[in-house]
Amino acid sequence: MKLLVTGGAGFIGSAVVRRAVAQGHAVVNLDALTYAACLDNVAAVADSPLYAFEEADIRDRAALDRIFAAHAPDAVMHLAAESHVDRSIDGPGTFVETNVMGTFHLLEA
């Protein structure tokens, strides 16, 4: 199975990526590499032929269309989100755009 994981460089997403690759699944890690992401979290699988990384924002529909066309995933695990409460207070627009509109664009793609 080819799995696309959004937010795959974050704490939870990277654990999913590492586990899926260890179980023999092909994984496309789609992450915008914002404040909560770190590619060191997936360093253990970065050289695996089962792993691909795409730096993109889920709010970017054209990027999503390109990634879906290039990788043709069988399933999507959507973990990209603005989830830190303090950041949602400081920047509620980003919170809504990522969590609502980003999810909308992902579903449309």
PDB file of N, CA and C in Angstrom:
ATOM      1  N   MET A   1       0.841  -1.174   0.000  1.00  0.00           N
ATOM      2  CA  MET A   1       0.000   0.000   0.000  1.00  0.00           C
ATOM      3  C   MET A   1       0.883   1.234   0.000  1.00  0.00           C
ATOM      4  N   LYS A   2       0.485   2.238  -0.775  1.00  0.00           N
ATOM      5  CA  LYS A   2       1.178   3.520  -0.764  1.00  0.00           C
ATOM      6  C   LYS A   2       0.342   4.503   0.036  1.00  0.00           C
ATOM      7  N   LEU A   3       0.936   5.026   1.081  1.00  0.00           N
ATOM      8  CA  LEU A   3       0.262   5.906   2.028  1.00  0.00           C
ATOM      9  C   LEU A   3       0.826   7.311   1.911  1.00  0.00           C
ATOM     10  N   LEU A   4      -0.052   8.300   1.803  1.00  0.00           N
ATOM     11  CA  LEU A   4       0.364   9.697   1.860  1.00  0.00           C
ATOM     12  C   LEU A   4       0.051  10.187   3.265  1.00  0.00           C
ATOM     13  N   VAL A   5       1.063  10.700   3.955  1.00  0.00           N
ATOM     14  CA  VAL A   5       0.896  11.211   5.314  1.00  0.00           C
ATOM     15  C   VAL A   5       1.150  12.711   5.300  1.00  0.00           C
ATOM     16  N   THR A   6       0.123  13.497   5.639  1.00  0.00           N
ATOM     17  CA  THR A   6       0.335  14.937   5.775  1.00  0.00           C
ATOM     18  C   THR A   6       0.838  15.201   7.188  1.00  0.00           C
ATOM     19  N   GLY A   7       1.738  16.145   7.318  1.00  0.00           N
ATOM     20  CA  GLY A   7       2.310  16.427   8.630  1.00  0.00           C
ATOM     21  C   GLY A   7       3.274  15.344   9.079  1.00  0.00           C
ATOM     22  N   GLY A   8       3.886  14.668   8.138  1.00  0.00           N
ATOM     23  CA  GLY A   8       4.743  13.523   8.442  1.00  0.00           C
ATOM     24  C   GLY A   8       6.101  13.848   9.038  1.00  0.00           C
ATOM     25  N   ALA A   9       6.416  15.125   9.199  1.00  0.00           N
ATOM     26  CA  ALA A   9       7.663  15.493   9.870  1.00  0.00           C
ATOM     27  C   ALA A   9       7.400  15.994  11.285  1.00  0.00           C
ATOM     28  N   GLY A  10       6.152  15.967  11.697  1.00  0.00           N
ATOM     29  CA  GLY A  10       5.800  16.354  13.058  1.00  0.00           C
ATOM     30  C   GLY A  10       5.977  15.191  14.017  1.00  0.00           C
ATOM     31  N   PHE A  11       5.697  15.411  15.258  1.00  0.00           N
ATOM     32  CA  PHE A  11       5.910  14.394  16.296  1.00  0.00           C
ATOM     33  C   PHE A  11       5.097  13.121  16.020  1.00  0.00           C
ATOM     34  N   ILE A  12       3.810  13.266  15.835  1.00  0.00           N
ATOM     35  CA  ILE A  12       2.949  12.100  15.610  1.00  0.00           C
ATOM     36  C   ILE A  12       3.109  11.573  14.185  1.00  0.00           C
ATOM     37  N   GLY A  13       3.100  12.467  13.212  1.00  0.00           N
ATOM     38  CA  GLY A  13       3.222  12.055  11.820  1.00  0.00           C
ATOM     39  C   GLY A  13       4.495  11.285  11.532  1.00  0.00           C
ATOM     40  N   SER A  14       5.598  11.710  12.132  1.00  0.00           N
ATOM     41  CA  SER A  14       6.867  11.015  11.886  1.00  0.00           C
ATOM     42  C   SER A  14       6.845   9.604  12.472  1.00  0.00           C
ATOM     43  N   ALA A  15       6.158   9.419  13.573  1.00  0.00           N
ATOM     44  CA  ALA A  15       6.035   8.074  14.143  1.00  0.00           C
ATOM     45  C   ALA A  15       5.232   7.181  13.203  1.00  0.00           C
ATOM     46  N   VAL A  16       4.187   7.732  12.601  1.00  0.00           N
ATOM     47  CA  VAL A  16       3.385   6.981  11.635  1.00  0.00           C
ATOM     48  C   VAL A  16       4.235   6.630  10.412  1.00  0.00           C
ATOM     49  N   VAL A  17       4.993   7.598   9.916  1.00  0.00           N
ATOM     50  CA  VAL A  17       5.848   7.373   8.750  1.00  0.00           C
ATOM     51  C   VAL A  17       6.856   6.262   9.027  1.00  0.00           C
ATOM     52  N   ARG A  18       7.551   6.357  10.139  1.00  0.00           N
ATOM     53  CA  ARG A  18       8.568   5.348  10.483  1.00  0.00           C
ATOM     54  C   ARG A  18       7.937   3.965  10.624  1.00  0.00           C
ATOM     55  N   ARG A  19       6.801   3.887  11.265  1.00  0.00           N
ATOM     56  CA  ARG A  19       6.127   2.603  11.480  1.00  0.00           C
ATOM     57  C   ARG A  19       5.639   2.000  10.160  1.00  0.00           C
ATOM     58  N   ALA A  20       5.050   2.824   9.312  1.00  0.00           N
ATOM     59  CA  ALA A  20       4.531   2.332   8.038  1.00  0.00           C
ATOM     60  C   ALA A  20       5.661   1.812   7.149  1.00  0.00           C
ATOM     61  N   VAL A  21       6.761   2.544   7.083  1.00  0.00           N
ATOM     62  CA  VAL A  21       7.900   2.091   6.277  1.00  0.00           C
ATOM     63  C   VAL A  21       8.452   0.793   6.861  1.00  0.00           C
ATOM     64  N   ALA A  22       8.560   0.711   8.185  1.00  0.00           N
ATOM     65  CA  ALA A  22       9.063  -0.509   8.835  1.00  0.00           C
ATOM     66  C   ALA A  22       8.179  -1.712   8.535  1.00  0.00           C
ATOM     67  N   GLN A  23       6.894  -1.467   8.302  1.00  0.00           N
ATOM     68  CA  GLN A  23       5.960  -2.550   7.986  1.00  0.00           C
ATOM     69  C   GLN A  23       5.885  -2.834   6.484  1.00  0.00           C
ATOM     70  N   GLY A  24       6.715  -2.147   5.695  1.00  0.00           N
ATOM     71  CA  GLY A  24       6.798  -2.425   4.274  1.00  0.00           C
ATOM     72  C   GLY A  24       5.899  -1.606   3.371  1.00  0.00           C
ATOM     73  N   HIS A  25       5.301  -0.563   3.910  1.00  0.00           N
ATOM     74  CA  HIS A  25       4.448   0.300   3.101  1.00  0.00           C
ATOM     75  C   HIS A  25       5.269   1.414   2.463  1.00  0.00           C
ATOM     76  N   ALA A  26       4.912   1.786   1.250  1.00  0.00           N
ATOM     77  CA  ALA A  26       5.496   2.969   0.623  1.00  0.00           C
ATOM     78  C   ALA A  26       4.813   4.185   1.249  1.00  0.00           C
ATOM     79  N   VAL A  27       5.602   5.206   1.576  1.00  0.00           N
ATOM     80  CA  VAL A  27       5.066   6.379   2.253  1.00  0.00           C
ATOM     81  C   VAL A  27       5.530   7.648   1.555  1.00  0.00           C
ATOM     82  N   VAL A  28       4.574   8.522   1.293  1.00  0.00           N
ATOM     83  CA  VAL A  28       4.869   9.865   0.824  1.00  0.00           C
ATOM     84  C   VAL A  28       4.596  10.793   1.996  1.00  0.00           C
ATOM     85  N   ASN A  29       5.620  11.472   2.448  1.00  0.00           N
ATOM     86  CA  ASN A  29       5.524  12.401   3.571  1.00  0.00           C
ATOM     87  C   ASN A  29       5.324  13.800   2.991  1.00  0.00           C
ATOM     88  N   LEU A  30       4.145  14.372   3.196  1.00  0.00           N
ATOM     89  CA  LEU A  30       3.837  15.715   2.716  1.00  0.00           C
ATOM     90  C   LEU A  30       3.829  16.644   3.918  1.00  0.00           C
ATOM     91  N   ASP A  31       4.762  17.580   3.954  1.00  0.00           N
ATOM     92  CA  ASP A  31       4.864  18.478   5.102  1.00  0.00           C
ATOM     93  C   ASP A  31       5.347  19.847   4.637  1.00  0.00           C
ATOM     94  N   ALA A  32       4.805  20.895   5.217  1.00  0.00           N
ATOM     95  CA  ALA A  32       5.205  22.263   4.896  1.00  0.00           C
ATOM     96  C   ALA A  32       6.436  22.695   5.686  1.00  0.00           C
ATOM     97  N   LEU A  33       6.864  21.863   6.615  1.00  0.00           N
ATOM     98  CA  LEU A  33       8.027  22.151   7.470  1.00  0.00           C
ATOM     99  C   LEU A  33       7.881  23.472   8.214  1.00  0.00           C
ATOM    100  N   THR A  34       6.765  23.614   8.911  1.00  0.00           N
ATOM    101  CA  THR A  34       6.549  24.791   9.753  1.00  0.00           C
ATOM    102  C   THR A  34       7.181  24.553  11.117  1.00  0.00           C
ATOM    103  N   TYR A  35       6.830  25.346  12.088  1.00  0.00           N
ATOM    104  CA  TYR A  35       7.443  25.336  13.408  1.00  0.00           C
ATOM    105  C   TYR A  35       7.435  23.983  14.115  1.00  0.00           C
ATOM    106  N   ALA A  36       6.469  23.138  13.852  1.00  0.00           N
ATOM    107  CA  ALA A  36       6.339  21.866  14.579  1.00  0.00           C
ATOM    108  C   ALA A  36       6.991  20.693  13.857  1.00  0.00           C
ATOM    109  N   ALA A  37       7.596  20.940  12.713  1.00  0.00           N
ATOM    110  CA  ALA A  37       8.149  19.852  11.907  1.00  0.00           C
ATOM    111  C   ALA A  37       9.671  19.812  11.983  1.00  0.00           C
ATOM    112  N   CYS A  38      10.199  18.612  11.818  1.00  0.00           N
ATOM    113  CA  CYS A  38      11.653  18.436  11.814  1.00  0.00           C
ATOM    114  C   CYS A  38      11.971  17.160  11.036  1.00  0.00           C
ATOM    115  N   LEU A  39      12.713  17.301   9.959  1.00  0.00           N
ATOM    116  CA  LEU A  39      13.043  16.132   9.155  1.00  0.00           C
ATOM    117  C   LEU A  39      13.950  15.146   9.886  1.00  0.00           C
ATOM    118  N   ASP A  40      14.595  15.582  10.951  1.00  0.00           N
ATOM    119  CA  ASP A  40      15.378  14.645  11.769  1.00  0.00           C
ATOM    120  C   ASP A  40      14.479  13.537  12.314  1.00  0.00           C
ATOM    121  N   ASN A  41      13.194  13.842  12.468  1.00  0.00           N
ATOM    122  CA  ASN A  41      12.244  12.853  12.995  1.00  0.00           C
ATOM    123  C   ASN A  41      12.070  11.646  12.070  1.00  0.00           C
ATOM    124  N   VAL A  42      12.368  11.814  10.779  1.00  0.00           N
ATOM    125  CA  VAL A  42      12.216  10.718   9.825  1.00  0.00           C
ATOM    126  C   VAL A  42      13.554  10.293   9.224  1.00  0.00           C
ATOM    127  N   ALA A  43      14.637  10.726   9.847  1.00  0.00           N
ATOM    128  CA  ALA A  43      15.972  10.409   9.332  1.00  0.00           C
ATOM    129  C   ALA A  43      16.200   8.906   9.210  1.00  0.00           C
ATOM    130  N   ALA A  44      15.604   8.131  10.089  1.00  0.00           N
ATOM    131  CA  ALA A  44      15.803   6.676  10.078  1.00  0.00           C
ATOM    132  C   ALA A  44      15.265   6.012   8.814  1.00  0.00           C
ATOM    133  N   VAL A  45      14.325   6.657   8.123  1.00  0.00           N
ATOM    134  CA  VAL A  45      13.751   6.064   6.907  1.00  0.00           C
ATOM    135  C   VAL A  45      14.033   6.893   5.657  1.00  0.00           C
ATOM    136  N   ALA A  46      14.727   7.998   5.810  1.00  0.00           N
ATOM    137  CA  ALA A  46      14.931   8.934   4.701  1.00  0.00           C
ATOM    138  C   ALA A  46      15.593   8.301   3.485  1.00  0.00           C
ATOM    139  N   ASP A  47      16.429   7.311   3.682  1.00  0.00           N
ATOM    140  CA  ASP A  47      17.128   6.673   2.558  1.00  0.00           C
ATOM    141  C   ASP A  47      16.415   5.423   2.042  1.00  0.00           C
ATOM    142  N   SER A  48      15.281   5.103   2.614  1.00  0.00           N
ATOM    143  CA  SER A  48      14.543   3.919   2.185  1.00  0.00           C
ATOM    144  C   SER A  48      13.907   4.146   0.818  1.00  0.00           C
ATOM    145  N   PRO A  49      13.946   3.144  -0.042  1.00  0.00           N
ATOM    146  CA  PRO A  49      13.251   3.270  -1.333  1.00  0.00           C
ATOM    147  C   PRO A  49      11.732   3.345  -1.171  1.00  0.00           C
ATOM    148  N   LEU A  50      11.238   3.039   0.019  1.00  0.00           N
ATOM    149  CA  LEU A  50       9.803   3.113   0.294  1.00  0.00           C
ATOM    150  C   LEU A  50       9.353   4.513   0.724  1.00  0.00           C
ATOM    151  N   TYR A  51      10.306   5.429   0.886  1.00  0.00           N
ATOM    152  CA  TYR A  51      10.011   6.749   1.448  1.00  0.00           C
ATOM    153  C   TYR A  51      10.227   7.849   0.414  1.00  0.00           C
ATOM    154  N   ALA A  52       9.288   8.790   0.361  1.00  0.00           N
ATOM    155  CA  ALA A  52       9.436   9.990  -0.464  1.00  0.00           C
ATOM    156  C   ALA A  52       8.976  11.189   0.355  1.00  0.00           C
ATOM    157  N   PHE A  53       9.662  12.304   0.194  1.00  0.00           N
ATOM    158  CA  PHE A  53       9.294  13.527   0.899  1.00  0.00           C
ATOM    159  C   PHE A  53       8.877  14.594  -0.097  1.00  0.00           C
ATOM    160  N   GLU A  54       7.775  15.258   0.202  1.00  0.00           N
ATOM    161  CA  GLU A  54       7.281  16.378  -0.596  1.00  0.00           C
ATOM    162  C   GLU A  54       7.052  17.562   0.334  1.00  0.00           C
ATOM    163  N   GLU A  55       7.836  18.626   0.151  1.00  0.00           N
ATOM    164  CA  GLU A  55       7.615  19.839   0.934  1.00  0.00           C
ATOM    165  C   GLU A  55       6.534  20.654   0.246  1.00  0.00           C
ATOM    166  N   ALA A  56       5.391  20.751   0.888  1.00  0.00           N
ATOM    167  CA  ALA A  56       4.260  21.482   0.321  1.00  0.00           C
ATOM    168  C   ALA A  56       3.280  21.825   1.428  1.00  0.00           C
ATOM    169  N   ASP A  57       2.466  22.804   1.149  1.00  0.00           N
ATOM    170  CA  ASP A  57       1.443  23.264   2.083  1.00  0.00           C
ATOM    171  C   ASP A  57       0.097  22.706   1.625  1.00  0.00           C
ATOM    172  N   ILE A  58      -0.668  22.137   2.534  1.00  0.00           N
ATOM    173  CA  ILE A  58      -1.953  21.557   2.155  1.00  0.00           C
ATOM    174  C   ILE A  58      -2.958  22.617   1.695  1.00  0.00           C
ATOM    175  N   ARG A  59      -2.639  23.878   1.890  1.00  0.00           N
ATOM    176  CA  ARG A  59      -3.502  24.955   1.393  1.00  0.00           C
ATOM    177  C   ARG A  59      -3.245  25.236  -0.086  1.00  0.00           C
ATOM    178  N   ASP A  60      -2.217  24.628  -0.647  1.00  0.00           N
ATOM    179  CA  ASP A  60      -1.815  24.856  -2.036  1.00  0.00           C
ATOM    180  C   ASP A  60      -2.393  23.756  -2.929  1.00  0.00           C
ATOM    181  N   ARG A  61      -3.543  24.020  -3.508  1.00  0.00           N
ATOM    182  CA  ARG A  61      -4.251  23.010  -4.291  1.00  0.00           C
ATOM    183  C   ARG A  61      -3.426  22.513  -5.478  1.00  0.00           C
ATOM    184  N   ALA A  62      -2.717  23.413  -6.150  1.00  0.00           N
ATOM    185  CA  ALA A  62      -1.914  23.000  -7.303  1.00  0.00           C
ATOM    186  C   ALA A  62      -0.823  22.023  -6.877  1.00  0.00           C
ATOM    187  N   ALA A  63      -0.204  22.281  -5.739  1.00  0.00           N
ATOM    188  CA  ALA A  63       0.827  21.361  -5.228  1.00  0.00           C
ATOM    189  C   ALA A  63       0.207  20.014  -4.890  1.00  0.00           C
ATOM    190  N   LEU A  64      -0.968  20.027  -4.277  1.00  0.00           N
ATOM    191  CA  LEU A  64      -1.645  18.773  -3.943  1.00  0.00           C
ATOM    192  C   LEU A  64      -1.973  17.974  -5.205  1.00  0.00           C
ATOM    193  N   ASP A  65      -2.480  18.651  -6.217  1.00  0.00           N
ATOM    194  CA  ASP A  65      -2.803  17.965  -7.471  1.00  0.00           C
ATOM    195  C   ASP A  65      -1.550  17.325  -8.069  1.00  0.00           C
ATOM    196  N   ARG A  66      -0.433  18.052  -8.041  1.00  0.00           N
ATOM    197  CA  ARG A  66       0.825  17.532  -8.576  1.00  0.00           C
ATOM    198  C   ARG A  66       1.286  16.315  -7.786  1.00  0.00           C
ATOM    199  N   ILE A  67       1.212  16.387  -6.476  1.00  0.00           N
ATOM    200  CA  ILE A  67       1.673  15.299  -5.607  1.00  0.00           C
ATOM    201  C   ILE A  67       0.794  14.061  -5.771  1.00  0.00           C
ATOM    202  N   PHE A  68      -0.514  14.249  -5.828  1.00  0.00           N
ATOM    203  CA  PHE A  68      -1.412  13.105  -6.033  1.00  0.00           C
ATOM    204  C   PHE A  68      -1.170  12.456  -7.392  1.00  0.00           C
ATOM    205  N   ALA A  69      -0.948  13.270  -8.421  1.00  0.00           N
ATOM    206  CA  ALA A  69      -0.692  12.728  -9.756  1.00  0.00           C
ATOM    207  C   ALA A  69       0.646  11.988  -9.798  1.00  0.00           C
ATOM    208  N   ALA A  70       1.649  12.535  -9.143  1.00  0.00           N
ATOM    209  CA  ALA A  70       2.990  11.935  -9.178  1.00  0.00           C
ATOM    210  C   ALA A  70       3.074  10.645  -8.377  1.00  0.00           C
ATOM    211  N   HIS A  71       2.368  10.572  -7.260  1.00  0.00           N
ATOM    212  CA  HIS A  71       2.526   9.440  -6.349  1.00  0.00           C
ATOM    213  C   HIS A  71       1.345   8.471  -6.322  1.00  0.00           C
ATOM    214  N   ALA A  72       0.172   8.900  -6.714  1.00  0.00           N
ATOM    215  CA  ALA A  72      -1.028   8.054  -6.730  1.00  0.00           C
ATOM    216  C   ALA A  72      -1.166   7.203  -5.468  1.00  0.00           C
ATOM    217  N   PRO A  73      -1.308   7.857  -4.302  1.00  0.00           N
ATOM    218  CA  PRO A  73      -1.426   7.086  -3.063  1.00  0.00           C
ATOM    219  C   PRO A  73      -2.719   6.288  -3.000  1.00  0.00           C
ATOM    220  N   ASP A  74      -2.655   5.166  -2.288  1.00  0.00           N
ATOM    221  CA  ASP A  74      -3.837   4.339  -2.063  1.00  0.00           C
ATOM    222  C   ASP A  74      -4.676   4.861  -0.902  1.00  0.00           C
ATOM    223  N   ALA A  75      -4.030   5.539   0.017  1.00  0.00           N
ATOM    224  CA  ALA A  75      -4.715   6.045   1.206  1.00  0.00           C
ATOM    225  C   ALA A  75      -4.006   7.307   1.692  1.00  0.00           C
ATOM    226  N   VAL A  76      -4.756   8.120   2.430  1.00  0.00           N
ATOM    227  CA  VAL A  76      -4.220   9.358   2.997  1.00  0.00           C
ATOM    228  C   VAL A  76      -4.458   9.347   4.498  1.00  0.00           C
ATOM    229  N   MET A  77      -3.418   9.669   5.252  1.00  0.00           N
ATOM    230  CA  MET A  77      -3.566   9.886   6.685  1.00  0.00           C
ATOM    231  C   MET A  77      -3.256  11.365   6.911  1.00  0.00           C
ATOM    232  N   HIS A  78      -4.276  12.123   7.245  1.00  0.00           N
ATOM    233  CA  HIS A  78      -4.170  13.577   7.349  1.00  0.00           C
ATOM    234  C   HIS A  78      -3.865  13.981   8.791  1.00  0.00           C
ATOM    235  N   LEU A  79      -2.603  14.347   9.025  1.00  0.00           N
ATOM    236  CA  LEU A  79      -2.166  14.741  10.359  1.00  0.00           C
ATOM    237  C   LEU A  79      -1.654  16.173  10.406  1.00  0.00           C
ATOM    238  N   ALA A  80      -1.633  16.856   9.268  1.00  0.00           N
ATOM    239  CA  ALA A  80      -1.172  18.246   9.241  1.00  0.00           C
ATOM    240  C   ALA A  80      -2.255  19.136   9.839  1.00  0.00           C
ATOM    241  N   ALA A  81      -1.879  19.914  10.836  1.00  0.00           N
ATOM    242  CA  ALA A  81      -2.845  20.818  11.460  1.00  0.00           C
ATOM    243  C   ALA A  81      -2.116  21.826  12.325  1.00  0.00           C
ATOM    244  N   GLU A  82      -2.727  22.961  12.480  1.00  0.00           N
ATOM    245  CA  GLU A  82      -2.269  23.938  13.460  1.00  0.00           C
ATOM    246  C   GLU A  82      -2.980  23.556  14.752  1.00  0.00           C
ATOM    247  N   SER A  83      -2.250  22.996  15.692  1.00  0.00           N
ATOM    248  CA  SER A  83      -2.910  22.456  16.873  1.00  0.00           C
ATOM    249  C   SER A  83      -2.435  23.071  18.184  1.00  0.00           C
ATOM    250  N   HIS A  84      -1.490  23.979  18.129  1.00  0.00           N
ATOM    251  CA  HIS A  84      -1.018  24.620  19.353  1.00  0.00           C
ATOM    252  C   HIS A  84      -1.943  25.791  19.687  1.00  0.00           C
ATOM    253  N   VAL A  85      -2.611  25.709  20.817  1.00  0.00           N
ATOM    254  CA  VAL A  85      -3.619  26.693  21.193  1.00  0.00           C
ATOM    255  C   VAL A  85      -3.055  28.102  21.214  1.00  0.00           C
ATOM    256  N   ASP A  86      -1.846  28.291  21.747  1.00  0.00           N
ATOM    257  CA  ASP A  86      -1.271  29.630  21.812  1.00  0.00           C
ATOM    258  C   ASP A  86      -1.069  30.215  20.424  1.00  0.00           C
ATOM    259  N   ARG A  87      -0.689  29.402  19.468  1.00  0.00           N
ATOM    260  CA  ARG A  87      -0.513  29.891  18.098  1.00  0.00           C
ATOM    261  C   ARG A  87      -1.857  30.211  17.450  1.00  0.00           C
ATOM    262  N   SER A  88      -2.907  29.473  17.801  1.00  0.00           N
ATOM    263  CA  SER A  88      -4.218  29.765  17.228  1.00  0.00           C
ATOM    264  C   SER A  88      -4.754  31.092  17.760  1.00  0.00           C
ATOM    265  N   ILE A  89      -4.377  31.457  18.947  1.00  0.00           N
ATOM    266  CA  ILE A  89      -4.795  32.744  19.508  1.00  0.00           C
ATOM    267  C   ILE A  89      -4.007  33.874  18.851  1.00  0.00           C
ATOM    268  N   ASP A  90      -2.711  33.657  18.673  1.00  0.00           N
ATOM    269  CA  ASP A  90      -1.860  34.672  18.052  1.00  0.00           C
ATOM    270  C   ASP A  90      -2.146  34.857  16.573  1.00  0.00           C
ATOM    271  N   GLY A  91      -2.519  33.780  15.892  1.00  0.00           N
ATOM    272  CA  GLY A  91      -2.769  33.845  14.452  1.00  0.00           C
ATOM    273  C   GLY A  91      -3.956  33.006  14.054  1.00  0.00           C
ATOM    274  N   PRO A  92      -5.167  33.416  14.424  1.00  0.00           N
ATOM    275  CA  PRO A  92      -6.336  32.581  14.142  1.00  0.00           C
ATOM    276  C   PRO A  92      -6.577  32.362  12.656  1.00  0.00           C
ATOM    277  N   GLY A  93      -6.165  33.293  11.803  1.00  0.00           N
ATOM    278  CA  GLY A  93      -6.363  33.120  10.360  1.00  0.00           C
ATOM    279  C   GLY A  93      -5.591  31.928   9.828  1.00  0.00           C
ATOM    280  N   THR A  94      -4.350  31.783  10.251  1.00  0.00           N
ATOM    281  CA  THR A  94      -3.534  30.652   9.827  1.00  0.00           C
ATOM    282  C   THR A  94      -4.131  29.350  10.330  1.00  0.00           C
ATOM    283  N   PHE A  95      -4.612  29.371  11.553  1.00  0.00           N
ATOM    284  CA  PHE A  95      -5.250  28.204  12.158  1.00  0.00           C
ATOM    285  C   PHE A  95      -6.438  27.740  11.303  1.00  0.00           C
ATOM    286  N   VAL A  96      -7.324  28.675  10.955  1.00  0.00           N
ATOM    287  CA  VAL A  96      -8.513  28.341  10.165  1.00  0.00           C
ATOM    288  C   VAL A  96      -8.128  27.946   8.740  1.00  0.00           C
ATOM    289  N   GLU A  97      -7.209  28.688   8.134  1.00  0.00           N
ATOM    290  CA  GLU A  97      -6.813  28.377   6.754  1.00  0.00           C
ATOM    291  C   GLU A  97      -6.207  26.989   6.642  1.00  0.00           C
ATOM    292  N   THR A  98      -5.340  26.631   7.579  1.00  0.00           N
ATOM    293  CA  THR A  98      -4.698  25.320   7.512  1.00  0.00           C
ATOM    294  C   THR A  98      -5.679  24.211   7.862  1.00  0.00           C
ATOM    295  N   ASN A  99      -6.353  24.343   8.990  1.00  0.00           N
ATOM    296  CA  ASN A  99      -7.201  23.258   9.477  1.00  0.00           C
ATOM    297  C   ASN A  99      -8.491  23.080   8.682  1.00  0.00           C
ATOM    298  N   VAL A 100      -9.059  24.171   8.211  1.00  0.00           N
ATOM    299  CA  VAL A 100     -10.323  24.064   7.487  1.00  0.00           C
ATOM    300  C   VAL A 100     -10.084  24.060   5.974  1.00  0.00           C
ATOM    301  N   MET A 101      -9.478  25.117   5.472  1.00  0.00           N
ATOM    302  CA  MET A 101      -9.282  25.210   4.025  1.00  0.00           C
ATOM    303  C   MET A 101      -8.250  24.197   3.526  1.00  0.00           C
ATOM    304  N   GLY A 102      -7.193  23.960   4.302  1.00  0.00           N
ATOM    305  CA  GLY A 102      -6.213  22.950   3.911  1.00  0.00           C
ATOM    306  C   GLY A 102      -6.845  21.577   3.807  1.00  0.00           C
ATOM    307  N   THR A 103      -7.681  21.242   4.771  1.00  0.00           N
ATOM    308  CA  THR A 103      -8.383  19.954   4.728  1.00  0.00           C
ATOM    309  C   THR A 103      -9.343  19.914   3.540  1.00  0.00           C
ATOM    310  N   PHE A 104     -10.016  21.015   3.273  1.00  0.00           N
ATOM    311  CA  PHE A 104     -10.902  21.096   2.108  1.00  0.00           C
ATOM    312  C   PHE A 104     -10.121  20.826   0.818  1.00  0.00           C
ATOM    313  N   HIS A 105      -8.985  21.495   0.644  1.00  0.00           N
ATOM    314  CA  HIS A 105      -8.186  21.292  -0.576  1.00  0.00           C
ATOM    315  C   HIS A 105      -7.675  19.861  -0.674  1.00  0.00           C
ATOM    316  N   LEU A 106      -7.326  19.280   0.442  1.00  0.00           N
ATOM    317  CA  LEU A 106      -6.861  17.889   0.450  1.00  0.00           C
ATOM    318  C   LEU A 106      -7.990  16.952   0.006  1.00  0.00           C
ATOM    319  N   LEU A 107      -9.186  17.178   0.519  1.00  0.00           N
ATOM    320  CA  LEU A 107     -10.331  16.353   0.132  1.00  0.00           C
ATOM    321  C   LEU A 107     -10.672  16.544  -1.352  1.00  0.00           C
ATOM    322  N   GLU A 108     -10.591  17.761  -1.834  1.00  0.00           N
ATOM    323  CA  GLU A 108     -10.879  18.031  -3.234  1.00  0.00           C
ATOM    324  C   GLU A 108      -9.852  17.348  -4.134  1.00  0.00           C
ATOM    325  N   ALA A 109      -8.577  17.363  -3.738  1.00  0.00           N
ATOM    326  CA  ALA A 109      -7.514  16.736  -4.545  1.00  0.00           C
ATOM    327  C   ALA A 109      -7.690  15.219  -4.547  1.00  0.00           C
TER     328      ALA A 109
END
